[in-house]
Amino acid sequence: ESGGGLVQPGGSLRLSCSASGIILSSYNMGWYRQAPGKQRELV
């Protein structure tokens, strides 16, 4: 995963995920996030 950073409230970012060892076209995909002290969630 790449593309994260520091942004001001109201700002924008574009995250990218590249994969190796797997052909993604065969799979449903998800982006997940985990904040400190919280469980990982599907967004």
All heavy atoms as atom14 arrays in JSON, in Angstrom:
{
  "sequence": "ESGGGLVQPGGSLRLSCSASGIILSSYNMGWYRQAPGKQRELV",
  "atom14_mask": [
    [1, 1, 1, 1, 1, 1, 1, 1, 1, 0, 0, 0, 0, 0],
    [1, 1, 1, 1, 1, 1, 0, 0, 0, 0, 0, 0, 0, 0],
    [1, 1, 1, 1, 0, 0, 0, 0, 0, 0, 0, 0, 0, 0],
    [1, 1, 1, 1, 0, 0, 0, 0, 0, 0, 0, 0, 0, 0],
    [1, 1, 1, 1, 0, 0, 0, 0, 0, 0, 0, 0, 0, 0],
    [1, 1, 1, 1, 1, 1, 1, 1, 0, 0, 0, 0, 0, 0],
    [1, 1, 1, 1, 1, 1, 1, 0, 0, 0, 0, 0, 0, 0],
    [1, 1, 1, 1, 1, 1, 1, 1, 1, 0, 0, 0, 0, 0],
    [1, 1, 1, 1, 1, 1, 1, 0, 0, 0, 0, 0, 0, 0],
    [1, 1, 1, 1, 0, 0, 0, 0, 0, 0, 0, 0, 0, 0],
    [1, 1, 1, 1, 0, 0, 0, 0, 0, 0, 0, 0, 0, 0],
    [1, 1, 1, 1, 1, 1, 0, 0, 0, 0, 0, 0, 0, 0],
    [1, 1, 1, 1, 1, 1, 1, 1, 0, 0, 0, 0, 0, 0],
    [1, 1, 1, 1, 1, 1, 1, 1, 1, 1, 1, 0, 0, 0],
    [1, 1, 1, 1, 1, 1, 1, 1, 0, 0, 0, 0, 0, 0],
    [1, 1, 1, 1, 1, 1, 0, 0, 0, 0, 0, 0, 0, 0],
    [1, 1, 1, 1, 1, 1, 0, 0, 0, 0, 0, 0, 0, 0],
    [1, 1, 1, 1, 1, 1, 0, 0, 0, 0, 0, 0, 0, 0],
    [1, 1, 1, 1, 1, 0, 0, 0, 0, 0, 0, 0, 0, 0],
    [1, 1, 1, 1, 1, 1, 0, 0, 0, 0, 0, 0, 0, 0],
    [1, 1, 1, 1, 0, 0, 0, 0, 0, 0, 0, 0, 0, 0],
    [1, 1, 1, 1, 1, 1, 1, 1, 0, 0, 0, 0, 0, 0],
    [1, 1, 1, 1, 1, 1, 1, 1, 0, 0, 0, 0, 0, 0],
    [1, 1, 1, 1, 1, 1, 1, 1, 0, 0, 0, 0, 0, 0],
    [1, 1, 1, 1, 1, 1, 0, 0, 0, 0, 0, 0, 0, 0],
    [1, 1, 1, 1, 1, 1, 0, 0, 0, 0, 0, 0, 0, 0],
    [1, 1, 1, 1, 1, 1, 1, 1, 1, 1, 1, 1, 0, 0],
    [1, 1, 1, 1, 1, 1, 1, 1, 0, 0, 0, 0, 0, 0],
    [1, 1, 1, 1, 1, 1, 1, 1, 0, 0, 0, 0, 0, 0],
    [1, 1, 1, 1, 0, 0, 0, 0, 0, 0, 0, 0, 0, 0],
    [1, 1, 1, 1, 1, 1, 1, 1, 1, 1, 1, 1, 1, 1],
    [1, 1, 1, 1, 1, 1, 1, 1, 1, 1, 1, 1, 0, 0],
    [1, 1, 1, 1, 1, 1, 1, 1, 1, 1, 1, 0, 0, 0],
    [1, 1, 1, 1, 1, 1, 1, 1, 1, 0, 0, 0, 0, 0],
    [1, 1, 1, 1, 1, 0, 0, 0, 0, 0, 0, 0, 0, 0],
    [1, 1, 1, 1, 1, 1, 1, 0, 0, 0, 0, 0, 0, 0],
    [1, 1, 1, 1, 0, 0, 0, 0, 0, 0, 0, 0, 0, 0],
    [1, 1, 1, 1, 1, 1, 1, 1, 1, 0, 0, 0, 0, 0],
    [1, 1, 1, 1, 1, 1, 1, 1, 1, 0, 0, 0, 0, 0],
    [1, 1, 1, 1, 1, 1, 1, 1, 1, 1, 1, 0, 0, 0],
    [1, 1, 1, 1, 1, 1, 1, 1, 1, 0, 0, 0, 0, 0],
    [1, 1, 1, 1, 1, 1, 1, 1, 0, 0, 0, 0, 0, 0],
    [1, 1, 1, 1, 1, 1, 1, 0, 0, 0, 0, 0, 0, 0]
  ],
  "atom14_positions": [
    [[0.84, -1.19, 0.0], [0.0, 0.0, 0.0], [0.88, 1.24, 0.0], [1.94, 1.26, 0.63], [-0.91, 0.01, 1.23], [-1.84, -1.17, 1.33], [-1.26, -2.37, 2.07], [-0.05, -2.35, 2.42], [-1.99, -3.34, 2.32], [0.0, 0.0, 0.0], [0.0, 0.0, 0.0], [0.0, 0.0, 0.0], [0.0, 0.0, 0.0], [0.0, 0.0, 0.0]],
    [[0.42, 2.28, -0.67], [1.17, 3.53, -0.74], [0.22, 4.69, -0.9], [-0.98, 4.5, -1.16], [2.17, 3.49, -1.89], [1.49, 3.36, -3.13], [0.0, 0.0, 0.0], [0.0, 0.0, 0.0], [0.0, 0.0, 0.0], [0.0, 0.0, 0.0], [0.0, 0.0, 0.0], [0.0, 0.0, 0.0], [0.0, 0.0, 0.0], [0.0, 0.0, 0.0]],
    [[0.75, 5.9, -0.74], [-0.03, 7.09, -0.98], [-0.51, 7.82, 0.25], [-1.08, 8.91, 0.14], [0.0, 0.0, 0.0], [0.0, 0.0, 0.0], [0.0, 0.0, 0.0], [0.0, 0.0, 0.0], [0.0, 0.0, 0.0], [0.0, 0.0, 0.0], [0.0, 0.0, 0.0], [0.0, 0.0, 0.0], [0.0, 0.0, 0.0], [0.0, 0.0, 0.0]],
    [[-0.27, 7.25, 1.41], [-0.7, 7.92, 2.63], [0.17, 9.13, 2.94], [1.15, 9.42, 2.24], [0.0, 0.0, 0.0], [0.0, 0.0, 0.0], [0.0, 0.0, 0.0], [0.0, 0.0, 0.0], [0.0, 0.0, 0.0], [0.0, 0.0, 0.0], [0.0, 0.0, 0.0], [0.0, 0.0, 0.0], [0.0, 0.0, 0.0], [0.0, 0.0, 0.0]],
    [[-0.21, 9.85, 3.97], [0.55, 11.02, 4.37], [-0.22, 11.87, 5.34], [-1.26, 11.47, 5.85], [0.0, 0.0, 0.0], [0.0, 0.0, 0.0], [0.0, 0.0, 0.0], [0.0, 0.0, 0.0], [0.0, 0.0, 0.0], [0.0, 0.0, 0.0], [0.0, 0.0, 0.0], [0.0, 0.0, 0.0], [0.0, 0.0, 0.0], [0.0, 0.0, 0.0]],
    [[0.32, 13.05, 5.57], [-0.31, 14.03, 6.44], [-1.12, 15.0, 5.6], [-0.61, 15.58, 4.63], [0.75, 14.79, 7.23], [0.29, 15.99, 8.06], [-0.68, 15.56, 9.15], [1.49, 16.71, 8.65], [0.0, 0.0, 0.0], [0.0, 0.0, 0.0], [0.0, 0.0, 0.0], [0.0, 0.0, 0.0], [0.0, 0.0, 0.0], [0.0, 0.0, 0.0]],
    [[-2.36, 15.18, 5.96], [-3.23, 16.08, 5.22], [-4.09, 16.86, 6.21], [-4.4, 16.37, 7.3], [-4.1, 15.28, 4.22], [-5.04, 14.32, 4.94], [-4.84, 16.18, 3.27], [0.0, 0.0, 0.0], [0.0, 0.0, 0.0], [0.0, 0.0, 0.0], [0.0, 0.0, 0.0], [0.0, 0.0, 0.0], [0.0, 0.0, 0.0], [0.0, 0.0, 0.0]],
    [[-4.44, 18.07, 5.83], [-5.31, 18.89, 6.68], [-6.75, 18.42, 6.57], [-7.14, 17.82, 5.55], [-5.21, 20.35, 6.26], [-3.86, 20.98, 6.55], [-3.85, 22.46, 6.24], [-4.69, 22.97, 5.51], [-2.88, 23.17, 6.8], [0.0, 0.0, 0.0], [0.0, 0.0, 0.0], [0.0, 0.0, 0.0], [0.0, 0.0, 0.0], [0.0, 0.0, 0.0]],
    [[-7.55, 18.68, 7.59], [-8.98, 18.35, 7.48], [-9.56, 18.98, 6.22], [-9.27, 20.13, 5.89], [-9.57, 18.97, 8.74], [-8.45, 18.95, 9.73], [-7.21, 19.23, 8.91], [0.0, 0.0, 0.0], [0.0, 0.0, 0.0], [0.0, 0.0, 0.0], [0.0, 0.0, 0.0], [0.0, 0.0, 0.0], [0.0, 0.0, 0.0], [0.0, 0.0, 0.0]],
    [[-10.36, 18.19, 5.54], [-10.92, 18.63, 4.27], [-10.09, 18.28, 3.07], [-10.53, 18.45, 1.93], [0.0, 0.0, 0.0], [0.0, 0.0, 0.0], [0.0, 0.0, 0.0], [0.0, 0.0, 0.0], [0.0, 0.0, 0.0], [0.0, 0.0, 0.0], [0.0, 0.0, 0.0], [0.0, 0.0, 0.0], [0.0, 0.0, 0.0], [0.0, 0.0, 0.0]],
    [[-8.9, 17.77, 3.3], [-8.0, 17.43, 2.21], [-8.3, 16.1, 1.56], [-9.23, 15.39, 1.94], [0.0, 0.0, 0.0], [0.0, 0.0, 0.0], [0.0, 0.0, 0.0], [0.0, 0.0, 0.0], [0.0, 0.0, 0.0], [0.0, 0.0, 0.0], [0.0, 0.0, 0.0], [0.0, 0.0, 0.0], [0.0, 0.0, 0.0], [0.0, 0.0, 0.0]],
    [[-7.46, 15.78, 0.58], [-7.65, 14.56, -0.2], [-6.34, 13.79, -0.31], [-5.25, 14.36, -0.23], [-8.13, 14.92, -1.61], [-9.36, 15.6, -1.58], [0.0, 0.0, 0.0], [0.0, 0.0, 0.0], [0.0, 0.0, 0.0], [0.0, 0.0, 0.0], [0.0, 0.0, 0.0], [0.0, 0.0, 0.0], [0.0, 0.0, 0.0], [0.0, 0.0, 0.0]],
    [[-6.5, 12.5, -0.5], [-5.37, 11.61, -0.77], [-5.84, 10.52, -1.72], [-7.03, 10.21, -1.77], [-4.85, 10.95, 0.51], [-4.05, 11.78, 1.5], [-3.81, 11.0, 2.78], [-2.72, 12.21, 0.9], [0.0, 0.0, 0.0], [0.0, 0.0, 0.0], [0.0, 0.0, 0.0], [0.0, 0.0, 0.0], [0.0, 0.0, 0.0], [0.0, 0.0, 0.0]],
    [[-4.88, 9.95, -2.41], [-5.18, 8.78, -3.24], [-4.25, 7.66, -2.82], [-3.02, 7.79, -2.92], [-5.02, 9.06, -4.73], [-5.5, 7.9, -5.6], [-5.45, 8.24, -7.09], [-6.01, 7.18, -7.91], [-7.29, 7.1, -8.24], [-8.14, 8.02, -7.83], [-7.73, 6.09, -9.0], [0.0, 0.0, 0.0], [0.0, 0.0, 0.0], [0.0, 0.0, 0.0]],
    [[-4.83, 6.59, -2.33], [-4.07, 5.42, -1.9], [-4.03, 4.4, -3.03], [-4.99, 4.26, -3.78], [-4.7, 4.8, -0.66], [-5.0, 5.74, 0.51], [-5.57, 4.95, 1.68], [-3.78, 6.54, 0.9], [0.0, 0.0, 0.0], [0.0, 0.0, 0.0], [0.0, 0.0, 0.0], [0.0, 0.0, 0.0], [0.0, 0.0, 0.0], [0.0, 0.0, 0.0]],
    [[-2.93, 3.69, -3.1], [-2.79, 2.67, -4.14], [-2.31, 1.37, -3.51], [-1.52, 1.38, -2.56], [-1.81, 3.13, -5.21], [-1.77, 2.21, -6.28], [0.0, 0.0, 0.0], [0.0, 0.0, 0.0], [0.0, 0.0, 0.0], [0.0, 0.0, 0.0], [0.0, 0.0, 0.0], [0.0, 0.0, 0.0], [0.0, 0.0, 0.0], [0.0, 0.0, 0.0]],
    [[-2.8, 0.29, -4.05], [-2.41, -1.03, -3.58], [-1.94, -1.83, -4.79], [-2.67, -1.99, -5.76], [-3.6, -1.73, -2.94], [-3.38, -3.49, -2.64], [0.0, 0.0, 0.0], [0.0, 0.0, 0.0], [0.0, 0.0, 0.0], [0.0, 0.0, 0.0], [0.0, 0.0, 0.0], [0.0, 0.0, 0.0], [0.0, 0.0, 0.0], [0.0, 0.0, 0.0]],
    [[-0.72, -2.29, -4.73], [-0.21, -3.17, -5.77], [-0.02, -4.56, -5.18], [0.26, -4.71, -4.0], [1.1, -2.65, -6.34], [2.09, -2.61, -5.34], [0.0, 0.0, 0.0], [0.0, 0.0, 0.0], [0.0, 0.0, 0.0], [0.0, 0.0, 0.0], [0.0, 0.0, 0.0], [0.0, 0.0, 0.0], [0.0, 0.0, 0.0], [0.0, 0.0, 0.0]],
    [[-0.19, -5.55, -6.02], [-0.12, -6.92, -5.55], [0.86, -7.73, -6.38], [1.01, -7.5, -7.58], [-1.5, -7.57, -5.6], [0.0, 0.0, 0.0], [0.0, 0.0, 0.0], [0.0, 0.0, 0.0], [0.0, 0.0, 0.0], [0.0, 0.0, 0.0], [0.0, 0.0, 0.0], [0.0, 0.0, 0.0], [0.0, 0.0, 0.0], [0.0, 0.0, 0.0]],
    [[1.5, -8.66, -5.73], [2.36, -9.61, -6.43], [2.02, -11.01, -5.93], [1.52, -11.18, -4.81], [3.84, -9.3, -6.18], [4.14, -9.36, -4.8], [0.0, 0.0, 0.0], [0.0, 0.0, 0.0], [0.0, 0.0, 0.0], [0.0, 0.0, 0.0], [0.0, 0.0, 0.0], [0.0, 0.0, 0.0], [0.0, 0.0, 0.0], [0.0, 0.0, 0.0]],
    [[2.25, -11.98, -6.79], [1.98, -13.37, -6.41], [0.52, -13.75, -6.44], [0.15, -14.83, -5.98], [0.0, 0.0, 0.0], [0.0, 0.0, 0.0], [0.0, 0.0, 0.0], [0.0, 0.0, 0.0], [0.0, 0.0, 0.0], [0.0, 0.0, 0.0], [0.0, 0.0, 0.0], [0.0, 0.0, 0.0], [0.0, 0.0, 0.0], [0.0, 0.0, 0.0]],
    [[-0.31, -12.87, -6.99], [-1.74, -13.13, -7.05], [-2.33, -12.3, -8.18], [-1.89, -11.18, -8.42], [-2.44, -12.79, -5.71], [-3.91, -13.19, -5.74], [-2.24, -11.33, -5.34], [-4.6, -13.08, -4.38], [0.0, 0.0, 0.0], [0.0, 0.0, 0.0], [0.0, 0.0, 0.0], [0.0, 0.0, 0.0], [0.0, 0.0, 0.0], [0.0, 0.0, 0.0]],
    [[-3.29, -12.88, -8.87], [-3.98, -12.16, -9.94], [-5.27, -11.61, -9.35], [-6.22, -12.34, -9.07], [-4.29, -13.09, -11.12], [-2.99, -13.77, -11.62], [-4.96, -12.31, -12.24], [-1.94, -12.81, -12.1], [0.0, 0.0, 0.0], [0.0, 0.0, 0.0], [0.0, 0.0, 0.0], [0.0, 0.0, 0.0], [0.0, 0.0, 0.0], [0.0, 0.0, 0.0]],
    [[-5.3, -10.3, -9.15], [-6.42, -9.69, -8.43], [-7.74, -9.79, -9.17], [-8.8, -9.73, -8.55], [-6.11, -8.23, -8.12], [-4.95, -7.97, -7.16], [-4.85, -6.48, -6.86], [-5.07, -8.79, -5.9], [0.0, 0.0, 0.0], [0.0, 0.0, 0.0], [0.0, 0.0, 0.0], [0.0, 0.0, 0.0], [0.0, 0.0, 0.0], [0.0, 0.0, 0.0]],
    [[-7.71, -9.94, -10.47], [-8.96, -9.96, -11.23], [-9.87, -11.13, -10.86], [-11.04, -11.12, -11.19], [-8.66, -9.99, -12.73], [-7.91, -11.15, -13.06], [0.0, 0.0, 0.0], [0.0, 0.0, 0.0], [0.0, 0.0, 0.0], [0.0, 0.0, 0.0], [0.0, 0.0, 0.0], [0.0, 0.0, 0.0], [0.0, 0.0, 0.0], [0.0, 0.0, 0.0]],
    [[-9.35, -12.09, -10.16], [-10.14, -13.23, -9.74], [-10.86, -13.0, -8.42], [-11.67, -13.84, -7.99], [-9.25, -14.48, -9.59], [-8.65, -14.82, -10.81], [0.0, 0.0, 0.0], [0.0, 0.0, 0.0], [0.0, 0.0, 0.0], [0.0, 0.0, 0.0], [0.0, 0.0, 0.0], [0.0, 0.0, 0.0], [0.0, 0.0, 0.0], [0.0, 0.0, 0.0]],
    [[-10.6, -11.86, -7.77], [-11.06, -11.66, -6.4], [-11.77, -10.33, -6.19], [-11.4, -9.3, -6.78], [-9.87, -11.71, -5.44], [-9.11, -13.02, -5.52], [-7.98, -13.13, -6.33], [-9.51, -14.12, -4.78], [-7.28, -14.33, -6.41], [-8.81, -15.31, -4.85], [-7.7, -15.41, -5.67], [-7.01, -16.6, -5.74], [0.0, 0.0, 0.0], [0.0, 0.0, 0.0]],
    [[-12.76, -10.37, -5.31], [-13.27, -9.13, -4.74], [-12.2, -8.58, -3.82], [-11.5, -9.34, -3.15], [-14.55, -9.38, -3.94], [-15.66, -9.97, -4.78], [-15.78, -9.68, -5.96], [-16.45, -10.85, -4.18], [0.0, 0.0, 0.0], [0.0, 0.0, 0.0], [0.0, 0.0, 0.0], [0.0, 0.0, 0.0], [0.0, 0.0, 0.0], [0.0, 0.0, 0.0]],
    [[-12.1, -7.26, -3.79], [-11.05, -6.63, -2.99], [-11.65, -5.61, -2.03], [-12.72, -5.05, -2.28], [-10.05, -5.92, -3.9], [-9.22, -6.85, -4.76], [-8.11, -7.88, -3.78], [-7.06, -6.63, -3.02], [0.0, 0.0, 0.0], [0.0, 0.0, 0.0], [0.0, 0.0, 0.0], [0.0, 0.0, 0.0], [0.0, 0.0, 0.0], [0.0, 0.0, 0.0]],
    [[-10.91, -5.35, -0.97], [-11.36, -4.35, -0.02], [-10.22, -3.48, 0.46], [-9.05, -3.87, 0.41], [0.0, 0.0, 0.0], [0.0, 0.0, 0.0], [0.0, 0.0, 0.0], [0.0, 0.0, 0.0], [0.0, 0.0, 0.0], [0.0, 0.0, 0.0], [0.0, 0.0, 0.0], [0.0, 0.0, 0.0], [0.0, 0.0, 0.0], [0.0, 0.0, 0.0]],
    [[-10.6, -2.28, 0.86], [-9.69, -1.41, 1.6], [-10.17, -1.4, 3.04], [-11.37, -1.23, 3.31], [-9.68, 0.0, 1.04], [-8.72, 0.2, -0.08], [-8.98, 0.14, -1.41], [-7.33, 0.51, 0.04], [-7.85, 0.37, -2.14], [-6.81, 0.61, -1.27], [-6.46, 0.7, 1.1], [-5.47, 0.91, -1.53], [-5.13, 0.99, 0.85], [-4.65, 1.09, -0.45]],
    [[-9.24, -1.56, 3.95], [-9.51, -1.64, 5.37], [-8.69, -0.56, 6.07], [-7.69, -0.07, 5.54], [-9.1, -3.01, 5.93], [-9.72, -4.19, 5.23], [-9.26, -4.62, 3.99], [-10.78, -4.89, 5.81], [-9.83, -5.72, 3.34], [-11.35, -5.98, 5.18], [-10.87, -6.39, 3.95], [-11.44, -7.47, 3.31], [0.0, 0.0, 0.0], [0.0, 0.0, 0.0]],
    [[-9.1, -0.22, 7.28], [-8.29, 0.71, 8.05], [-8.31, 0.31, 9.52], [-9.26, -0.3, 9.99], [-8.77, 2.15, 7.88], [-10.13, 2.44, 8.48], [-10.55, 3.86, 8.14], [-11.87, 4.18, 8.68], [-12.53, 5.3, 8.4], [-12.01, 6.21, 7.59], [-13.71, 5.5, 8.95], [0.0, 0.0, 0.0], [0.0, 0.0, 0.0], [0.0, 0.0, 0.0]],
    [[-7.25, 0.7, 10.2], [-7.16, 0.44, 11.63], [-6.59, 1.66, 12.31], [-5.45, 2.07, 12.03], [-6.3, -0.79, 11.92], [-6.31, -1.18, 13.38], [-5.71, -2.55, 13.63], [-4.95, -3.09, 12.83], [-6.08, -3.17, 14.75], [0.0, 0.0, 0.0], [0.0, 0.0, 0.0], [0.0, 0.0, 0.0], [0.0, 0.0, 0.0], [0.0, 0.0, 0.0]],
    [[-7.39, 2.24, 13.17], [-6.96, 3.39, 13.97], [-6.41, 2.88, 15.29], [-6.74, 1.78, 15.73], [-8.14, 4.33, 14.2], [0.0, 0.0, 0.0], [0.0, 0.0, 0.0], [0.0, 0.0, 0.0], [0.0, 0.0, 0.0], [0.0, 0.0, 0.0], [0.0, 0.0, 0.0], [0.0, 0.0, 0.0], [0.0, 0.0, 0.0], [0.0, 0.0, 0.0]],
    [[-5.58, 3.67, 15.95], [-5.0, 3.24, 17.23], [-6.08, 2.86, 18.23], [-7.05, 3.59, 18.43], [-4.23, 4.48, 17.69], [-3.88, 5.19, 16.44], [-5.05, 4.97, 15.51], [0.0, 0.0, 0.0], [0.0, 0.0, 0.0], [0.0, 0.0, 0.0], [0.0, 0.0, 0.0], [0.0, 0.0, 0.0], [0.0, 0.0, 0.0], [0.0, 0.0, 0.0]],
    [[-5.92, 1.69, 18.84], [-6.86, 1.24, 19.85], [-8.18, 0.71, 19.31], [-9.08, 0.4, 20.09], [0.0, 0.0, 0.0], [0.0, 0.0, 0.0], [0.0, 0.0, 0.0], [0.0, 0.0, 0.0], [0.0, 0.0, 0.0], [0.0, 0.0, 0.0], [0.0, 0.0, 0.0], [0.0, 0.0, 0.0], [0.0, 0.0, 0.0], [0.0, 0.0, 0.0]],
    [[-8.3, 0.62, 18.0], [-9.55, 0.15, 17.39], [-9.3, -1.07, 16.54], [-8.18, -1.34, 16.12], [-10.19, 1.26, 16.56], [-10.63, 2.47, 17.36], [-11.4, 3.44, 16.49], [-11.91, 4.62, 17.29], [-12.69, 5.57, 16.45], [0.0, 0.0, 0.0], [0.0, 0.0, 0.0], [0.0, 0.0, 0.0], [0.0, 0.0, 0.0], [0.0, 0.0, 0.0]],
    [[-10.38, -1.8, 16.29], [-10.27, -2.96, 15.42], [-10.17, -2.52, 13.96], [-10.65, -1.45, 13.57], [-11.49, -3.86, 15.6], [-11.52, -4.6, 16.93], [-12.59, -5.66, 16.96], [-13.62, -5.55, 16.29], [-12.38, -6.71, 17.74], [0.0, 0.0, 0.0], [0.0, 0.0, 0.0], [0.0, 0.0, 0.0], [0.0, 0.0, 0.0], [0.0, 0.0, 0.0]],
    [[-9.55, -3.38, 13.19], [-9.5, -3.12, 11.76], [-10.91, -3.2, 11.17], [-11.68, -4.1, 11.51], [-8.59, -4.14, 11.09], [-8.3, -3.91, 9.62], [-7.29, -4.91, 9.13], [-5.95, -4.6, 9.6], [-5.01, -5.51, 9.81], [-5.26, -6.77, 9.62], [-3.82, -5.14, 10.21], [0.0, 0.0, 0.0], [0.0, 0.0, 0.0], [0.0, 0.0, 0.0]],
    [[-11.25, -2.27, 10.3], [-12.59, -2.24, 9.71], [-12.49, -2.13, 8.2], [-11.58, -1.51, 7.65], [-13.41, -1.07, 10.26], [-12.91, 0.3, 9.88], [-13.9, 1.42, 10.19], [-15.11, 1.16, 10.37], [-13.43, 2.59, 10.23], [0.0, 0.0, 0.0], [0.0, 0.0, 0.0], [0.0, 0.0, 0.0], [0.0, 0.0, 0.0], [0.0, 0.0, 0.0]],
    [[-13.47, -2.72, 7.56], [-13.59, -2.6, 6.11], [-14.23, -1.25, 5.79], [-15.27, -0.92, 6.35], [-14.47, -3.72, 5.58], [-14.82, -3.68, 4.1], [-13.61, -4.02, 3.25], [-15.97, -4.64, 3.79], [0.0, 0.0, 0.0], [0.0, 0.0, 0.0], [0.0, 0.0, 0.0], [0.0, 0.0, 0.0], [0.0, 0.0, 0.0], [0.0, 0.0, 0.0]],
    [[-13.62, -0.48, 4.92], [-14.21, 0.82, 4.56], [-14.8, 0.8, 3.16], [-15.74, 1.55, 2.88], [-13.21, 1.98, 4.69], [-12.81, 2.18, 6.14], [-11.98, 1.77, 3.84], [0.0, 0.0, 0.0], [0.0, 0.0, 0.0], [0.0, 0.0, 0.0], [0.0, 0.0, 0.0], [0.0, 0.0, 0.0], [0.0, 0.0, 0.0], [0.0, 0.0, 0.0]]
  ]
}
